[in-house]
Protein backbone atom coordinates (compact mmCIF):
# COMPACT_ATOMS: atom_id res chain seq x y z
CA MET A 1 13.61 -1.53 -41.25
CA THR A 2 12.93 -3.77 -38.28
CA ILE A 3 13.45 -4.03 -34.54
CA LYS A 4 17.00 -5.19 -33.85
CA ILE A 5 17.64 -5.74 -30.14
CA ASN A 6 19.25 -8.32 -27.90
CA GLN A 7 17.31 -11.61 -27.96
CA GLU A 8 17.15 -11.69 -24.17
CA LEU A 9 15.63 -8.20 -24.03
CA LEU A 10 13.21 -9.10 -26.83
CA GLU A 11 11.93 -12.18 -24.98
CA LYS A 12 11.74 -10.23 -21.71
CA ALA A 13 9.55 -7.54 -23.30
CA CYS A 14 7.29 -10.11 -24.98
CA LYS A 15 6.88 -12.16 -21.80
CA GLY A 16 6.11 -9.03 -19.81
CA ILE A 17 3.24 -7.98 -22.08
CA ILE A 18 1.80 -11.53 -22.18
CA GLU A 19 2.01 -11.76 -18.39
CA ILE A 20 0.05 -8.51 -17.90
CA ILE A 21 -2.66 -9.60 -20.36
CA LEU A 22 -3.11 -13.10 -18.91
CA PHE A 23 -3.22 -11.88 -15.30
CA CYS A 24 -5.62 -9.02 -16.08
CA LEU A 25 -8.06 -10.80 -18.43
CA PRO A 26 -9.69 -13.74 -16.58
CA ASN A 27 -10.89 -15.47 -19.76
CA ALA A 28 -7.51 -15.38 -21.52
CA TYR A 29 -5.37 -18.49 -21.14
CA LYS A 30 -2.58 -18.29 -23.72
CA GLY A 31 -0.53 -15.54 -25.33
CA THR A 32 2.04 -15.49 -28.13
CA VAL A 33 4.15 -12.73 -29.67
CA TYR A 34 5.46 -12.90 -33.24
CA LEU A 35 8.29 -10.68 -34.45
CA VAL A 36 7.84 -9.30 -37.98
CA GLY A 37 11.14 -8.88 -39.79
CA ALA A 38 12.32 -6.30 -42.28
CA PRO A 39 10.71 -5.85 -45.72
CA PRO A 40 10.43 -7.14 -48.33
CA ASP A 41 10.53 -10.59 -46.61
CA LEU A 42 8.46 -9.61 -43.51
CA SER A 43 9.28 -12.96 -41.94
CA ALA A 44 6.94 -13.64 -39.02
CA THR A 45 8.72 -15.58 -36.26
CA ARG A 46 7.17 -16.79 -33.02
CA ILE A 47 9.27 -15.37 -30.15
CA THR A 48 7.58 -16.88 -27.09
CA SER A 49 4.29 -18.34 -25.88
CA GLY A 50 2.85 -18.40 -22.37
CA VAL A 51 0.02 -20.51 -20.96
CA ILE A 52 -1.51 -19.66 -17.57
CA ASP A 53 -2.58 -22.51 -15.26
CA ASP A 54 -6.15 -23.10 -14.08
CA ALA A 55 -5.43 -21.40 -10.74
CA ARG A 56 -4.21 -18.34 -12.68
CA GLN A 57 -1.07 -18.18 -10.58
CA ASP A 58 1.75 -19.37 -12.83
CA ILE A 59 2.59 -19.10 -16.53
CA SER A 60 4.44 -21.78 -18.49
CA TRP A 61 6.73 -20.44 -21.22
CA GLY A 62 8.19 -21.91 -24.37
CA LEU A 63 7.50 -23.01 -27.93
CA PRO A 64 6.52 -26.68 -27.48
CA GLN A 65 4.17 -26.95 -30.44
CA GLN A 66 5.03 -27.43 -34.09
CA SER A 67 4.37 -24.29 -36.08
CA ASP A 68 5.40 -22.77 -39.40
CA TYR A 69 6.09 -19.61 -37.41
CA ASN A 70 8.76 -21.15 -35.20
CA TYR A 71 12.32 -20.13 -36.08
CA PRO A 72 13.28 -19.26 -38.81
CA GLY A 73 9.68 -18.15 -39.31
CA LYS A 74 7.40 -17.74 -42.29
CA SER A 75 8.07 -15.24 -45.06
CA TRP A 76 5.50 -12.79 -46.48
CA LEU A 77 5.13 -14.76 -49.70
CA GLU A 78 4.16 -17.82 -47.64
CA TYR A 79 1.40 -16.27 -45.53
CA ARG A 80 0.02 -13.35 -47.58
CA ASP A 81 -3.48 -13.62 -49.09
CA GLU A 82 -3.51 -15.88 -52.15
CA PRO A 83 -6.58 -16.95 -54.16
CA ASP A 84 -5.61 -20.64 -54.08
CA ARG A 85 -4.81 -21.16 -50.38
CA PRO A 86 -6.40 -20.61 -46.93
CA LEU A 87 -6.48 -17.03 -45.70
CA GLU A 88 -4.48 -16.27 -42.54
CA ALA A 89 -5.21 -13.73 -39.83
CA MET A 90 -1.48 -12.96 -39.77
CA ALA A 91 -1.70 -11.62 -43.34
CA TRP A 92 -4.61 -9.35 -42.37
CA CYS A 93 -2.77 -7.93 -39.33
CA VAL A 94 0.48 -7.33 -41.21
CA GLU A 95 -0.92 -5.96 -44.49
CA ARG A 96 -3.91 -4.00 -43.16
CA GLN A 97 -2.27 -3.03 -39.84
CA LYS A 98 -5.58 -3.91 -38.17
CA SER A 99 -6.60 -6.41 -35.50
CA TRP A 100 -8.44 -9.67 -36.11
CA THR A 101 -10.88 -11.20 -33.61
CA ALA A 102 -12.10 -14.80 -33.93
CA GLU A 103 -15.25 -14.48 -31.82
CA ASP A 104 -16.86 -17.37 -33.70
CA PRO A 105 -14.12 -19.55 -35.25
CA HIS A 106 -16.73 -21.69 -36.99
CA ALA A 107 -17.52 -18.69 -39.20
CA ASP A 108 -13.97 -17.30 -39.24
CA SER A 109 -12.85 -16.77 -42.83
CA ARG A 110 -9.22 -16.62 -41.70
CA SER A 111 -9.10 -19.67 -39.44
CA VAL A 112 -6.41 -21.81 -41.04
CA ARG A 113 -7.09 -24.64 -38.58
CA LEU A 114 -10.77 -24.66 -39.56
CA GLN A 115 -10.01 -24.61 -43.27
CA VAL A 116 -7.22 -27.20 -43.18
CA GLU A 117 -7.81 -29.34 -40.09
CA GLY A 118 -11.52 -28.81 -39.45
CA VAL A 119 -10.75 -27.50 -35.93
CA TRP A 120 -13.01 -24.57 -35.03
CA GLU A 121 -12.42 -24.10 -31.30
CA ASP A 122 -9.81 -21.38 -31.72
CA PHE A 123 -11.20 -18.24 -30.06
CA HIS A 124 -8.53 -15.57 -30.19
CA HIS A 125 -7.64 -11.95 -30.83
CA MET A 126 -4.61 -10.86 -32.89
CA GLU A 127 -3.25 -7.33 -32.62
CA PRO A 128 -0.46 -5.79 -34.73
CA VAL A 129 2.27 -3.88 -32.88
CA LEU A 130 2.82 -0.63 -34.75
CA VAL A 131 5.78 1.74 -34.71
CA ARG A 132 5.91 5.03 -36.57
CA LYS A 133 8.25 5.01 -39.55
CA LYS A 134 9.86 8.28 -38.54
CA ASP A 135 10.65 6.85 -35.07
CA LEU A 136 12.25 3.75 -36.59
CA PHE A 137 14.20 5.68 -39.23
CA ILE A 138 16.35 7.70 -36.85
CA GLU A 139 19.39 7.48 -39.12
CA GLN A 140 19.08 10.23 -41.72
CA ASN A 141 21.20 8.43 -44.34
CA LEU A 142 19.12 5.25 -44.18
CA SER A 143 17.41 4.68 -47.53
CA LEU A 144 13.74 3.75 -47.70
CA PRO A 145 13.09 0.00 -47.91
CA GLU A 146 11.48 -1.93 -50.70
CA TYR A 147 7.89 -2.47 -49.60
CA PRO A 148 6.46 -5.97 -50.07
CA LYS A 149 3.53 -6.47 -52.42
CA ASN A 150 0.22 -8.26 -52.08
CA HIS A 151 -0.88 -10.89 -54.60
CA LYS A 152 -2.33 -8.10 -56.79
CA GLY A 153 1.10 -6.50 -57.09
CA GLU A 154 0.22 -3.51 -54.88
CA PRO A 155 2.86 -2.33 -52.35
CA VAL A 156 1.72 -2.53 -48.71
CA TRP A 157 2.30 0.22 -46.12
CA GLN A 158 3.13 2.71 -48.88
CA PHE A 159 0.77 5.37 -47.55
CA SER A 160 0.79 4.39 -43.86
CA GLU A 161 2.70 6.28 -41.17
CA HIS A 162 3.45 3.02 -39.37
CA VAL A 163 5.18 -0.31 -39.85
CA VAL A 164 4.27 -3.61 -38.19
CA VAL A 165 7.12 -4.87 -36.00
CA ALA A 166 5.25 -7.64 -34.15
CA VAL A 167 1.86 -9.32 -33.70
CA ILE A 168 0.26 -10.31 -30.39
CA LYS A 169 -2.09 -13.30 -30.31
CA ILE A 170 -4.24 -14.02 -27.24
CA HIS A 171 -6.38 -17.16 -26.91
CA PHE A 172 -9.64 -17.02 -24.95
CA ARG A 173 -12.05 -19.54 -23.53
CA PRO A 174 -14.91 -20.34 -25.94
CA TYR A 175 -17.38 -17.53 -26.60
CA THR A 176 -15.74 -15.09 -24.17
CA ILE A 177 -14.21 -12.72 -26.71
CA ARG A 178 -16.06 -10.31 -28.99
CA ILE A 179 -15.08 -7.81 -31.65
CA GLY A 180 -14.65 -4.38 -30.09
CA SER A 181 -14.96 -5.68 -26.51
CA PRO A 182 -13.07 -4.09 -23.57
CA GLU A 183 -10.61 -7.00 -23.77
CA THR A 184 -9.68 -6.17 -27.37
CA ARG A 185 -9.31 -2.48 -26.52
CA LEU A 186 -7.01 -3.37 -23.62
CA ILE A 187 -4.86 -5.59 -25.87
CA LYS A 188 -4.66 -2.75 -28.42
CA LYS A 189 -3.39 -0.36 -25.73
CA LEU A 190 -0.86 -2.92 -24.53
CA SER A 191 0.33 -3.47 -28.10
CA ARG A 192 1.27 0.22 -28.15
CA VAL A 193 3.16 -0.26 -24.90
CA LEU A 194 5.06 -3.19 -26.39
CA GLY A 195 5.88 -1.16 -29.50
CA THR A 196 7.16 1.68 -27.31
CA GLU A 197 9.20 -0.72 -25.19
CA LEU A 198 10.79 -2.44 -28.19
CA LEU A 199 11.52 0.92 -29.77
CA SER A 200 12.91 2.16 -26.46
CA TYR A 201 15.30 -0.80 -26.24
CA GLN A 202 16.44 -0.16 -29.80
CA ILE A 203 16.86 3.56 -29.22
CA ARG A 204 18.81 2.84 -26.04
CA GLU A 205 21.29 0.64 -27.89
CA GLN A 206 21.63 3.17 -30.70
CA THR A 207 22.04 5.95 -28.14
CA LEU A 208 24.89 4.13 -26.40
CA LEU A 209 26.60 3.67 -29.77
CA SER A 210 26.18 7.37 -30.52
CA ILE A 211 27.65 8.33 -27.13
CA ARG A 212 30.81 6.32 -27.86
CA HIS A 213 31.32 8.22 -31.12
CA LEU A 214 30.09 11.63 -29.92
CA ALA A 215 31.26 11.77 -26.31
CA GLU A 216 31.77 15.54 -26.45
CA ASP A 217 28.13 16.20 -27.35
CA LYS A 218 26.73 15.59 -23.86
CA ILE A 219 23.63 17.72 -24.20
CA GLN A 220 22.46 16.00 -27.38
CA ALA A 221 22.93 12.57 -25.83
CA CYS A 222 21.05 13.74 -22.76
CA ASN A 223 18.10 14.90 -24.85
CA ILE A 224 17.90 11.57 -26.68
CA LEU A 225 17.97 9.65 -23.39
CA ALA A 226 15.38 11.95 -21.82
CA HIS A 227 13.06 11.50 -24.79
CA SER A 228 13.33 7.71 -24.69
CA ILE A 229 12.78 7.37 -20.93
CA ARG A 230 10.02 9.95 -20.70
CA ASN A 231 8.26 8.34 -23.62
CA ALA A 232 8.15 5.10 -21.61
CA ILE A 233 7.08 6.97 -18.46
CA THR A 234 4.24 8.63 -20.37
CA LYS A 235 2.96 5.18 -21.27
CA SER A 236 2.90 4.31 -17.56
CA GLY A 237 -0.50 6.01 -17.48
CA LEU A 238 -1.73 2.64 -18.71
CA ILE A 239 -0.96 1.26 -15.25
CA LEU A 240 -3.61 3.56 -13.80
CA SER A 241 -6.04 2.40 -16.47
CA LEU A 242 -5.41 -1.22 -15.48
CA ILE A 243 -5.93 -0.36 -11.81
CA LYS A 244 -9.25 1.33 -12.64
CA LEU A 245 -10.24 -1.71 -14.70
CA GLU A 246 -9.55 -3.99 -11.74
CA LEU A 247 -11.44 -1.71 -9.34
CA GLY A 248 -14.39 -1.75 -11.74
CA PHE A 249 -14.21 -5.56 -11.75
CA LEU A 250 -14.35 -5.55 -7.92
CA ARG A 251 -17.28 -3.14 -7.99
CA GLU A 252 -19.16 -5.45 -10.38
CA GLN A 253 -18.59 -8.42 -8.06
CA TRP A 254 -19.80 -6.43 -5.05
CA GLU A 255 -22.93 -5.20 -6.79
CA SER A 256 -23.76 -8.70 -8.02
CA LEU A 257 -23.94 -9.74 -4.34
CA VAL A 258 -25.84 -6.75 -2.99
CA LEU A 259 -28.27 -6.36 -5.90
CA GLN A 260 -29.58 -9.86 -5.27
CA LEU A 261 -31.40 -8.27 -2.35
CA CYS A 262 -33.27 -5.71 -4.44
CA ASP A 263 -36.05 -5.73 -7.02
CA PRO A 264 -34.48 -6.70 -10.42
CA ALA A 265 -36.53 -3.93 -12.03
CA LEU A 266 -34.34 -1.39 -10.21
CA THR A 267 -31.07 -2.58 -11.77
CA LYS A 268 -29.44 -0.86 -14.73
CA ARG A 269 -29.67 -4.03 -16.85
CA SER A 270 -33.45 -4.11 -16.46
CA ILE A 271 -33.80 -0.38 -17.10
CA ILE A 272 -31.58 -0.52 -20.20
CA ALA A 273 -33.81 -3.34 -21.51
CA GLU A 274 -36.85 -1.05 -21.04
CA LEU A 275 -35.10 1.84 -22.82
CA ASN A 276 -34.05 -0.42 -25.70
CA GLU A 277 -37.64 -1.60 -26.02
CA ALA A 278 -38.83 2.02 -26.09
CA ALA A 279 -36.28 2.87 -28.81
CA ALA A 280 -37.20 -0.20 -30.84
CA GLY A 281 -40.84 0.91 -30.73
CA LEU A 282 -39.90 4.09 -32.59
CA LEU A 283 -37.92 2.47 -35.42
CA ASN A 284 -40.76 2.90 -37.92
CA SER A 285 -41.32 6.53 -37.01
CA GLY A 286 -38.22 8.33 -38.26
CA ASP A 287 -34.42 8.25 -38.39
CA GLN A 288 -33.50 4.61 -37.83
CA ASN A 289 -29.76 5.38 -37.70
CA ALA A 290 -30.19 7.62 -34.64
CA LEU A 291 -32.26 4.98 -32.85
CA MET A 292 -29.86 2.15 -33.65
CA ASP A 293 -27.00 4.33 -32.45
CA LEU A 294 -28.88 4.96 -29.20
CA ILE A 295 -29.51 1.23 -28.65
CA GLU A 296 -25.83 0.49 -29.31
CA VAL A 297 -24.75 3.16 -26.79
CA GLN A 298 -27.16 1.85 -24.18
CA ASN A 299 -25.89 -1.71 -24.63
CA ARG A 300 -22.31 -0.45 -24.38
CA PHE A 301 -23.16 1.11 -21.02
CA LEU A 302 -23.91 -2.38 -19.67
CA GLU A 303 -20.28 -3.35 -20.34
CA LEU A 304 -18.93 -0.48 -18.21
CA SER A 305 -18.42 -0.47 -14.47
CA LEU A 306 -17.93 3.17 -13.51
CA PRO A 307 -18.00 5.02 -10.18
CA PRO A 308 -21.45 6.61 -9.64
CA SER A 309 -20.36 10.17 -10.44
CA THR A 310 -18.57 9.11 -13.63
CA GLY A 311 -21.45 6.83 -14.56
CA GLN A 312 -24.01 9.61 -14.15
CA ASN A 313 -21.95 11.92 -16.36
CA TRP A 314 -21.80 9.11 -18.94
CA VAL A 315 -25.58 8.69 -18.83
CA ASN A 316 -26.10 12.46 -19.19
CA LEU A 317 -23.76 12.88 -22.16
CA GLN A 318 -24.28 9.60 -24.03
CA ILE A 319 -27.85 8.52 -23.28
CA SER A 320 -29.91 11.41 -21.89
CA GLU A 321 -28.85 13.90 -24.59
CA ARG A 322 -29.60 11.37 -27.35
CA TRP A 323 -33.06 10.73 -25.92
CA ASP A 324 -33.74 14.49 -25.65
CA ALA A 325 -32.87 14.95 -29.32
CA ILE A 326 -35.07 12.03 -30.37
CA LEU A 327 -38.05 13.09 -28.26
CA GLU A 328 -37.87 16.60 -29.77
CA THR A 329 -38.08 15.32 -33.36
CA TYR A 330 -40.19 12.14 -33.12
CA PRO A 331 -44.01 12.11 -32.83
CA VAL A 332 -44.01 10.82 -29.23
CA PRO A 333 -47.06 11.52 -27.00
CA PRO A 334 -46.22 13.74 -23.98
CA ASP A 335 -47.08 11.05 -21.43
CA ARG A 336 -44.88 8.52 -23.27
CA ALA A 337 -42.00 11.04 -23.46
CA GLN A 338 -42.32 11.70 -19.72
CA GLU A 339 -42.24 7.96 -19.05
CA ILE A 340 -39.01 7.60 -21.03
CA ARG A 341 -37.36 10.49 -19.19
CA GLU A 342 -38.35 8.86 -15.90
CA LYS A 343 -36.66 5.65 -17.03
CA VAL A 344 -33.46 7.60 -17.75
CA GLN A 345 -33.68 9.12 -14.27
CA ARG A 346 -34.15 5.64 -12.79
CA LEU A 347 -31.03 4.58 -14.70
CA ARG A 348 -29.05 7.32 -12.94
CA GLN A 349 -30.43 6.20 -9.58
CA SER A 350 -29.54 2.56 -10.27
CA LEU A 351 -25.84 3.50 -10.16
CA GLN A 352 -26.22 4.16 -6.42
CA LEU A 353 -27.79 0.81 -5.53
CA GLY A 354 -24.48 -0.78 -4.61
CA ARG A 355 -24.11 1.62 -1.69
CA SER A 356 -27.78 2.16 -0.85
CA SER A 357 -28.37 1.87 2.90
CA GLU A 358 -31.67 0.08 2.23
CA PHE A 359 -29.88 -2.91 0.76
CA LEU A 360 -26.63 -2.64 2.71
CA ASP A 361 -28.59 -3.12 5.94
CA LYS A 362 -29.91 -6.40 4.55
CA TYR A 363 -26.41 -7.59 3.70
CA ASP A 364 -25.40 -8.61 7.22
CA VAL A 365 -22.47 -10.96 6.55
CA MET A 366 -19.95 -8.12 7.06
CA PRO A 367 -19.33 -6.02 10.18
CA GLY A 368 -20.81 -2.55 9.78
CA VAL A 369 -17.51 -0.67 10.12
CA LEU A 370 -15.76 -2.87 7.55
CA LYS A 371 -18.73 -2.64 5.20
CA GLN A 372 -18.73 1.17 5.34
CA GLN A 373 -14.97 1.29 4.79
CA TRP A 374 -15.33 -0.96 1.73
CA ILE A 375 -18.15 1.15 0.30
CA ASP A 376 -16.16 4.37 0.78
CA LEU A 377 -13.17 2.84 -1.01
CA ILE A 378 -14.84 1.05 -3.92
CA TYR A 379 -17.10 4.00 -4.82
CA ARG A 380 -14.46 6.68 -4.41
CA ASP A 381 -13.53 8.87 -7.37
CA THR A 382 -10.55 7.11 -8.99
CA ASP A 383 -9.09 10.09 -10.86
CA ASN A 384 -6.37 10.31 -8.21
CA ILE A 385 -5.03 6.92 -7.12
CA ASP A 386 -2.10 6.66 -4.72
CA THR A 387 -0.37 3.86 -2.83
CA ALA A 388 -2.18 4.69 0.43
CA TYR A 389 -5.54 4.11 -1.28
CA LEU A 390 -4.37 0.80 -2.75
CA GLU A 391 -3.08 -0.30 0.66
CA GLU A 392 -6.53 0.36 2.16
CA ILE A 393 -8.13 -1.68 -0.62
CA ASP A 394 -5.65 -4.49 0.05
CA HIS A 395 -6.49 -4.43 3.78
CA VAL A 396 -10.20 -4.97 3.12
CA LEU A 397 -9.56 -7.60 0.46
CA GLN A 398 -7.69 -9.65 3.08
CA SER A 399 -10.82 -9.82 5.23
CA LYS A 400 -12.60 -13.18 5.52
CA TYR A 401 -15.95 -11.35 5.67
CA LEU A 402 -15.72 -9.99 2.13
CA LYS A 403 -16.65 -13.02 0.07
CA LEU A 404 -16.18 -11.94 -3.57
CA PRO A 405 -15.75 -14.66 -6.24
CA TYR A 406 -12.35 -13.41 -7.48
CA GLN A 407 -11.26 -11.55 -4.37
CA GLU A 408 -7.78 -13.05 -3.97
CA LYS A 409 -6.98 -12.81 -7.69
CA ALA A 410 -7.95 -9.14 -7.73
CA ARG A 411 -5.87 -8.50 -4.63
CA LYS A 412 -2.74 -10.03 -6.22
CA THR A 413 -3.29 -8.13 -9.46
CA LEU A 414 -3.63 -4.80 -7.61
CA LEU A 415 -0.47 -5.56 -5.59
CA ARG A 416 1.49 -6.15 -8.82
CA LEU A 417 0.15 -2.96 -10.37
CA LYS A 418 0.94 -1.02 -7.19
CA VAL A 419 4.58 -2.16 -7.41
CA LEU A 420 4.72 -1.12 -11.09
CA MET A 421 3.29 2.30 -10.21
CA GLU A 422 5.91 2.80 -7.48
CA ILE A 423 8.73 1.73 -9.82
CA MET A 424 7.65 4.16 -12.54
CA SER A 425 7.36 6.98 -9.99
CA GLU A 426 10.89 6.28 -8.74
CA LEU A 427 12.16 6.07 -12.32
CA GLU A 428 10.67 9.46 -13.14
CA ALA A 429 12.17 11.05 -10.01
CA ASP A 430 15.61 9.52 -10.63
CA THR A 431 15.51 10.57 -14.28
CA ASN A 432 14.64 14.17 -13.45
CA LEU A 433 17.43 14.30 -10.88
CA ALA A 434 19.98 12.89 -13.33
CA LEU A 435 18.92 15.32 -16.06
CA ARG A 436 19.18 18.31 -13.73
CA GLU A 437 22.69 17.27 -12.71
CA VAL A 438 23.79 16.85 -16.33
CA LEU A 439 22.28 20.12 -17.51
CA ASN A 440 23.82 21.95 -14.53
CA GLY A 441 27.27 20.57 -15.26
CA LYS A 442 27.49 18.25 -12.23
CA ASN A 443 28.51 14.62 -12.14
CA GLY A 444 25.86 13.26 -14.48
CA ILE A 445 26.59 11.47 -17.73
CA ASN A 446 30.33 11.37 -18.35
CA SER A 447 32.00 10.92 -21.70
CA HIS A 448 32.84 7.36 -22.64
CA PRO A 449 35.92 6.46 -24.67
């Protein structure tokens, strides 16, 4: 029970996922993928590592450093949790099938370098790559494997629907990674993409083998191929998520420029601070869990960069409704309750500051026509993104008048994602055409000897 594919394809898939992460996360500088072998050994072997340069243009690949995880790797008995040796994050990811984030390596209980070498500057996030057991066990006569055991003698994965086939490790600049941050959520989504891609490669090879032995069963082979390809195409929705993430990053840069011209009290950060203070003032008056949940939600809103319409819906559903429930049950004076509701309304209005004519008129470093075009594009509803829209964004990003800190980097990232989106669209169209021809009895997939 493991991923068995061509080494070249394995390295290509691993490099591809590292490349996307390093180009899309500005604080990430190194990525590594480890392959986890079949049980009961579960040997963890480092496949490839990539380090991006300071200009964030090129990635250097290879395994130049000494590591116990270089080929032939490290077996489960060597890295699992043991009472008499340092704990490893790899053991946590493999056994628990959960991620591990070293947001403060100095207090990281699983930092082997800290425990053995005294080195604490190792800020990273490790994410297991999971594949469902029933997807990996496509051969009906394949017997179940012997599950490895932890140091207490308990089998791992026994009641899980998944197996761990790989682990992704991403290094970050000091104090730029946090548990549960958008970066960790992005890496988790990409780990699913890598799992799907590795599984897709394996299924493809197994499918080709099946076609050689069952050439007469064209329809069955077609269904297997369609499932594999469409499964990968379904995951292409992540490309749109990455595009939206990059557009949100551009919107944040733009607003940081424009909002310098307005009263800081009008910004969402200032208003959220006022709302948090109001919630903290009620902690001794009732349900502390509801108030702490509200403060956590309000702080989470600061991490998001949403288009105004989406942001207002978020405020209504996540913040306004929580405040309404609290104000109905807590002993809050009417004038104080009205003041809080006005703050929530000001929070909604703050989402429009980036395109407010009052402040845009003060920002006179851009021609008016170009400025209006940029505003229309960056604050447009991004539910439907097409290549024409991305080409318009690219046109404005080439302008010398738009002076955003990471303007050129964002432009290159969007160009790469645009190409990926076009490729996946062509792949879907070509796949549908091929399937129609096969199912209609035309020259589609022919029998192989």
